[in-house]
Protein backbone atom coordinates (compact mmCIF):
# COMPACT_ATOMS: atom_id res chain seq x y z
CA MET A 1 132.11 36.44 88.28
CA ASN A 2 133.26 34.85 85.39
CA VAL A 3 135.51 36.19 82.38
CA CYS A 4 132.39 36.81 80.05
CA ASN A 5 130.86 38.95 82.73
CA ARG A 6 134.13 40.88 83.36
CA ARG A 7 134.33 41.53 79.74
CA LYS A 8 130.61 42.88 79.41
CA SER A 9 130.99 44.88 82.54
CA GLY A 10 134.14 46.38 81.14
CA GLN A 11 132.59 46.99 77.77
CA VAL A 12 129.61 48.79 79.92
CA TYR A 13 131.97 50.68 81.81
CA ARG A 14 133.91 51.99 78.70
CA LYS A 15 130.71 52.79 76.68
CA ARG A 16 129.70 54.79 79.97
CA LEU A 17 132.88 56.49 79.92
CA ARG A 18 132.87 57.36 76.35
CA ILE A 19 129.08 58.89 76.82
CA LEU A 20 130.31 60.76 79.99
CA SER A 21 133.52 62.11 77.96
CA GLU A 22 131.28 63.14 75.00
CA MET A 23 128.79 64.98 77.57
CA LEU A 24 131.69 66.67 79.33
CA GLU A 25 133.11 68.06 76.00
CA VAL A 26 129.42 69.08 74.93
CA ASN A 27 129.14 70.90 78.07
CA SER A 28 132.39 72.22 78.12
CA TYR A 29 131.90 73.88 74.74
CA THR A 30 128.70 75.16 75.98
CA LEU A 31 130.54 76.65 79.05
CA LEU A 32 133.02 78.22 76.68
CA ASN A 33 130.59 79.60 74.51
CA SER A 34 128.59 81.20 77.35
CA LEU A 35 131.74 82.69 78.85
CA ILE A 36 132.52 84.17 75.35
CA ARG A 37 129.20 85.79 75.28
CA CYS A 38 129.70 87.06 78.61
CA MET A 39 133.00 88.67 77.63
CA LEU A 40 131.59 90.11 74.58
CA PHE A 41 128.52 91.41 76.74
CA ASN A 42 130.78 92.89 78.98
CA VAL A 43 133.03 94.68 76.22
CA ARG A 44 129.71 96.03 74.59
CA THR A 45 128.40 97.29 77.88
CA ARG A 46 131.87 99.12 78.78
CA GLN A 47 131.42 100.80 75.14
CA ILE A 48 127.79 102.06 75.78
CA LEU A 49 128.93 103.64 79.15
CA ARG A 50 131.81 105.30 77.56
CA PHE A 51 129.49 106.45 75.09
CA LEU A 52 126.99 107.81 78.01
CA LYS A 53 129.83 109.31 79.81
CA MET A 54 131.04 111.28 76.78
CA ARG A 55 127.30 112.62 75.95
CA ARG A 56 126.77 113.66 79.25
CA LYS A 57 130.21 115.56 79.29
CA GLU A 58 128.94 117.29 75.99
CA PHE A 59 125.52 118.06 77.42
CA LYS A 60 127.23 119.60 80.45
CA ASP A 61 129.34 121.56 78.30
CA GLU A 62 126.52 122.65 76.20
CA SER A 63 124.39 123.83 79.13
CA ILE A 64 127.18 125.80 80.63
CA ARG A 65 127.71 127.53 77.16
CA ASP A 66 123.89 128.22 76.91
CA ARG A 67 123.61 129.58 80.61
CA ARG A 68 126.72 131.94 79.87
CA GLU A 69 124.98 133.11 76.56
CA MET A 70 121.54 133.59 78.11
CA ASN A 71 123.11 135.80 81.17
CA LYS A 72 124.79 137.59 78.30
CA ARG A 73 121.64 138.42 76.59
CA TRP A 74 119.99 139.28 79.96
CA GLY A 75 122.73 141.84 80.52
CA GLU A 76 122.10 143.37 77.19
CA ILE A 77 118.30 143.48 77.72
CA ALA A 78 119.16 145.09 80.94
CA ASN A 79 121.41 147.62 79.44
CA SER A 80 118.93 148.57 76.64
CA LEU A 81 116.12 149.25 79.26
CA GLY A 82 118.56 151.32 81.17
CA ILE A 83 119.07 153.37 77.74
CA ILE A 84 115.22 153.64 77.31
CA VAL A 85 114.85 155.03 80.72
CA GLU A 86 117.46 157.32 80.20
CA ASP A 87 116.23 158.57 76.60
CA LEU A 88 112.64 158.68 77.47
CA VAL A 89 111.83 159.03 81.05
CA SER A 90 114.83 161.12 82.27
CA PRO A 91 114.15 164.23 79.96
CA ALA A 92 110.55 164.03 80.93
CA VAL A 93 110.88 163.91 84.52
CA ARG A 94 112.97 167.29 84.88
CA PRO A 95 110.10 169.43 83.54
CA ALA A 96 107.61 167.76 85.68
CA ILE A 97 109.90 168.28 88.69
CA LYS A 98 109.71 171.96 87.88
CA ILE A 99 105.98 171.91 87.56
CA PHE A 100 105.51 170.33 90.98
């Protein structure tokens, strides 16, 4: 191999090395960009999960309050029906018992 060919081959190798380093720089930028996007997605996902957990707890607490309120209302309705029986049926039963 003569000197001229060595220079050309050296220039070719330097050119290839420069192209490869540019490609590596672009690929590392793309990789870094993708990594940052994944990290942001992960943060957003955690925020959404925290929000959903909070909403689930609020819904559960609200359901418990509603159930207690409905049980209280059912108790009040049962008491008022008892009062109706005491006020209407009870006075009418005594004379019916005397007749029969």
